[in-house]
Amino acid sequence: MAVRLKYAGVPADKVTTDENVTQAIKDTLNGSAGAAYLFSTYTALWPVQKIIKAITVEGGAAR
């Protein structure tokens, strides 16, 4: 996904990658950035949705 963003013109210093999907989602939800975007491949879409639901239901997210 980072390579796709690179070729789309997104500056490399604006892209963060993490192989630990759960930790990446937690970092995104608890971040101090005004806006954050979490990109997922279609294959990972449903597991990502499940992780986000679990985090927000258990109260682990700032929002």
N, C-alpha and C. Protein backbone atom coordinates (compact mmCIF):
# COMPACT_ATOMS: atom_id res chain seq x y z
N MET A 1 0.82 -1.18 0.00
CA MET A 1 0.00 0.00 0.00
C MET A 1 0.88 1.26 0.00
N ALA A 2 1.98 1.22 0.73
CA ALA A 2 2.88 2.38 0.77
C ALA A 2 3.43 2.70 -0.60
N VAL A 3 3.71 1.67 -1.39
CA VAL A 3 4.23 1.89 -2.74
C VAL A 3 3.17 2.57 -3.60
N ARG A 4 1.93 2.15 -3.46
CA ARG A 4 0.84 2.78 -4.22
C ARG A 4 0.72 4.26 -3.86
N LEU A 5 0.83 4.56 -2.57
CA LEU A 5 0.75 5.96 -2.14
C LEU A 5 1.93 6.76 -2.66
N LYS A 6 3.11 6.14 -2.69
CA LYS A 6 4.30 6.82 -3.22
C LYS A 6 4.08 7.23 -4.67
N TYR A 7 3.59 6.30 -5.48
CA TYR A 7 3.38 6.60 -6.89
C TYR A 7 2.19 7.52 -7.12
N ALA A 8 1.35 7.67 -6.11
CA ALA A 8 0.23 8.62 -6.20
C ALA A 8 0.68 10.02 -5.81
N GLY A 9 1.94 10.16 -5.37
CA GLY A 9 2.48 11.47 -5.05
C GLY A 9 2.45 11.84 -3.58
N VAL A 10 2.11 10.90 -2.71
CA VAL A 10 2.10 11.19 -1.27
C VAL A 10 3.54 11.17 -0.76
N PRO A 11 3.98 12.23 -0.08
CA PRO A 11 5.36 12.27 0.43
C PRO A 11 5.63 11.12 1.40
N ALA A 12 6.78 10.50 1.26
CA ALA A 12 7.13 9.34 2.08
C ALA A 12 7.12 9.64 3.57
N ASP A 13 7.44 10.87 3.95
CA ASP A 13 7.46 11.21 5.38
C ASP A 13 6.05 11.34 5.97
N LYS A 14 5.04 11.27 5.14
CA LYS A 14 3.65 11.33 5.59
C LYS A 14 3.03 9.95 5.73
N VAL A 15 3.80 8.90 5.39
CA VAL A 15 3.28 7.53 5.40
C VAL A 15 3.99 6.73 6.48
N THR A 16 3.21 6.05 7.30
CA THR A 16 3.74 5.17 8.32
C THR A 16 3.18 3.77 8.07
N THR A 17 4.02 2.79 8.15
CA THR A 17 3.57 1.42 7.97
C THR A 17 3.87 0.62 9.23
N ASP A 18 3.08 -0.40 9.46
CA ASP A 18 3.26 -1.26 10.62
C ASP A 18 2.72 -2.64 10.27
N GLU A 19 3.51 -3.67 10.48
CA GLU A 19 3.06 -5.03 10.16
C GLU A 19 2.11 -5.58 11.22
N ASN A 20 2.09 -4.99 12.40
CA ASN A 20 1.17 -5.41 13.45
C ASN A 20 -0.12 -4.61 13.28
N VAL A 21 -1.11 -5.22 12.66
CA VAL A 21 -2.34 -4.53 12.30
C VAL A 21 -3.07 -4.00 13.53
N THR A 22 -3.17 -4.80 14.56
CA THR A 22 -3.88 -4.37 15.78
C THR A 22 -3.20 -3.14 16.39
N GLN A 23 -1.88 -3.17 16.50
CA GLN A 23 -1.16 -2.03 17.08
C GLN A 23 -1.28 -0.80 16.20
N ALA A 24 -1.24 -0.98 14.89
CA ALA A 24 -1.38 0.15 13.97
C ALA A 24 -2.75 0.82 14.14
N ILE A 25 -3.78 0.02 14.30
CA ILE A 25 -5.13 0.57 14.48
C ILE A 25 -5.22 1.30 15.81
N LYS A 26 -4.69 0.70 16.87
CA LYS A 26 -4.70 1.36 18.19
C LYS A 26 -3.95 2.69 18.14
N ASP A 27 -2.79 2.70 17.49
CA ASP A 27 -2.01 3.93 17.37
C ASP A 27 -2.79 4.99 16.59
N THR A 28 -3.48 4.58 15.54
CA THR A 28 -4.27 5.51 14.75
C THR A 28 -5.43 6.09 15.56
N LEU A 29 -6.15 5.24 16.27
CA LEU A 29 -7.30 5.71 17.05
C LEU A 29 -6.90 6.57 18.24
N ASN A 30 -5.73 6.31 18.80
CA ASN A 30 -5.28 7.06 19.97
C ASN A 30 -4.32 8.19 19.64
N GLY A 31 -4.09 8.42 18.35
CA GLY A 31 -3.14 9.44 17.93
C GLY A 31 -3.62 10.84 18.18
N SER A 32 -2.68 11.76 18.14
CA SER A 32 -3.01 13.15 18.39
C SER A 32 -3.18 13.94 17.09
N ALA A 33 -3.06 13.26 15.97
CA ALA A 33 -3.20 13.95 14.68
C ALA A 33 -4.64 14.44 14.49
N GLY A 34 -4.77 15.54 13.81
CA GLY A 34 -6.11 16.06 13.53
C GLY A 34 -6.91 15.12 12.64
N ALA A 35 -6.22 14.44 11.74
CA ALA A 35 -6.86 13.47 10.86
C ALA A 35 -5.88 12.34 10.60
N ALA A 36 -6.40 11.14 10.52
CA ALA A 36 -5.58 9.98 10.20
C ALA A 36 -6.38 9.09 9.26
N TYR A 37 -5.68 8.44 8.38
CA TYR A 37 -6.32 7.55 7.42
C TYR A 37 -5.67 6.18 7.53
N LEU A 38 -6.47 5.17 7.65
CA LEU A 38 -5.98 3.82 7.72
C LEU A 38 -6.38 3.13 6.42
N PHE A 39 -5.39 2.74 5.62
CA PHE A 39 -5.64 2.07 4.36
C PHE A 39 -5.46 0.58 4.54
N SER A 40 -6.35 -0.17 3.94
CA SER A 40 -6.29 -1.61 4.03
C SER A 40 -6.55 -2.21 2.65
N THR A 41 -5.91 -3.32 2.39
CA THR A 41 -6.24 -4.04 1.16
C THR A 41 -7.61 -4.68 1.35
N TYR A 42 -8.23 -5.08 0.26
CA TYR A 42 -9.54 -5.71 0.37
C TYR A 42 -9.46 -6.99 1.21
N THR A 43 -8.36 -7.72 1.06
CA THR A 43 -8.18 -8.97 1.81
C THR A 43 -8.20 -8.71 3.32
N ALA A 44 -7.62 -7.61 3.75
CA ALA A 44 -7.53 -7.30 5.17
C ALA A 44 -8.72 -6.50 5.68
N LEU A 45 -9.62 -6.10 4.81
CA LEU A 45 -10.72 -5.21 5.19
C LEU A 45 -11.57 -5.76 6.33
N TRP A 46 -12.02 -6.99 6.22
CA TRP A 46 -12.91 -7.55 7.25
C TRP A 46 -12.18 -7.81 8.56
N PRO A 47 -10.95 -8.35 8.55
CA PRO A 47 -10.23 -8.46 9.82
C PRO A 47 -9.99 -7.10 10.48
N VAL A 48 -9.71 -6.06 9.68
CA VAL A 48 -9.50 -4.72 10.22
C VAL A 48 -10.79 -4.22 10.87
N GLN A 49 -11.92 -4.42 10.21
CA GLN A 49 -13.21 -4.01 10.78
C GLN A 49 -13.46 -4.72 12.12
N LYS A 50 -13.16 -6.00 12.18
CA LYS A 50 -13.35 -6.77 13.41
C LYS A 50 -12.47 -6.23 14.54
N ILE A 51 -11.21 -5.90 14.22
CA ILE A 51 -10.29 -5.35 15.21
C ILE A 51 -10.79 -4.00 15.72
N ILE A 52 -11.23 -3.13 14.82
CA ILE A 52 -11.73 -1.81 15.22
C ILE A 52 -12.96 -1.94 16.11
N LYS A 53 -13.88 -2.82 15.76
CA LYS A 53 -15.06 -3.03 16.60
C LYS A 53 -14.67 -3.52 17.99
N ALA A 54 -13.73 -4.47 18.05
CA ALA A 54 -13.30 -5.00 19.35
C ALA A 54 -12.65 -3.92 20.20
N ILE A 55 -11.83 -3.10 19.58
CA ILE A 55 -11.13 -2.04 20.32
C ILE A 55 -12.12 -1.01 20.83
N THR A 56 -13.06 -0.57 19.99
CA THR A 56 -13.99 0.47 20.42
C THR A 56 -15.01 -0.05 21.41
N VAL A 57 -15.38 -1.30 21.32
CA VAL A 57 -16.33 -1.88 22.28
C VAL A 57 -15.69 -2.03 23.65
N GLU A 58 -14.44 -2.43 23.69
CA GLU A 58 -13.76 -2.62 24.97
C GLU A 58 -13.29 -1.31 25.57
N GLY A 59 -13.50 -0.21 24.86
CA GLY A 59 -13.12 1.09 25.39
C GLY A 59 -11.64 1.40 25.27
N GLY A 60 -10.93 0.69 24.40
CA GLY A 60 -9.51 0.88 24.26
C GLY A 60 -9.15 2.06 23.38
N ALA A 61 -10.15 2.66 22.73
CA ALA A 61 -9.87 3.77 21.82
C ALA A 61 -10.20 5.09 22.48
N ALA A 62 -9.53 6.12 22.02
CA ALA A 62 -9.75 7.46 22.60
C ALA A 62 -11.10 8.02 22.19
N ARG A 63 -11.68 7.52 21.12
CA ARG A 63 -12.94 8.07 20.61
C ARG A 63 -14.09 7.14 20.86
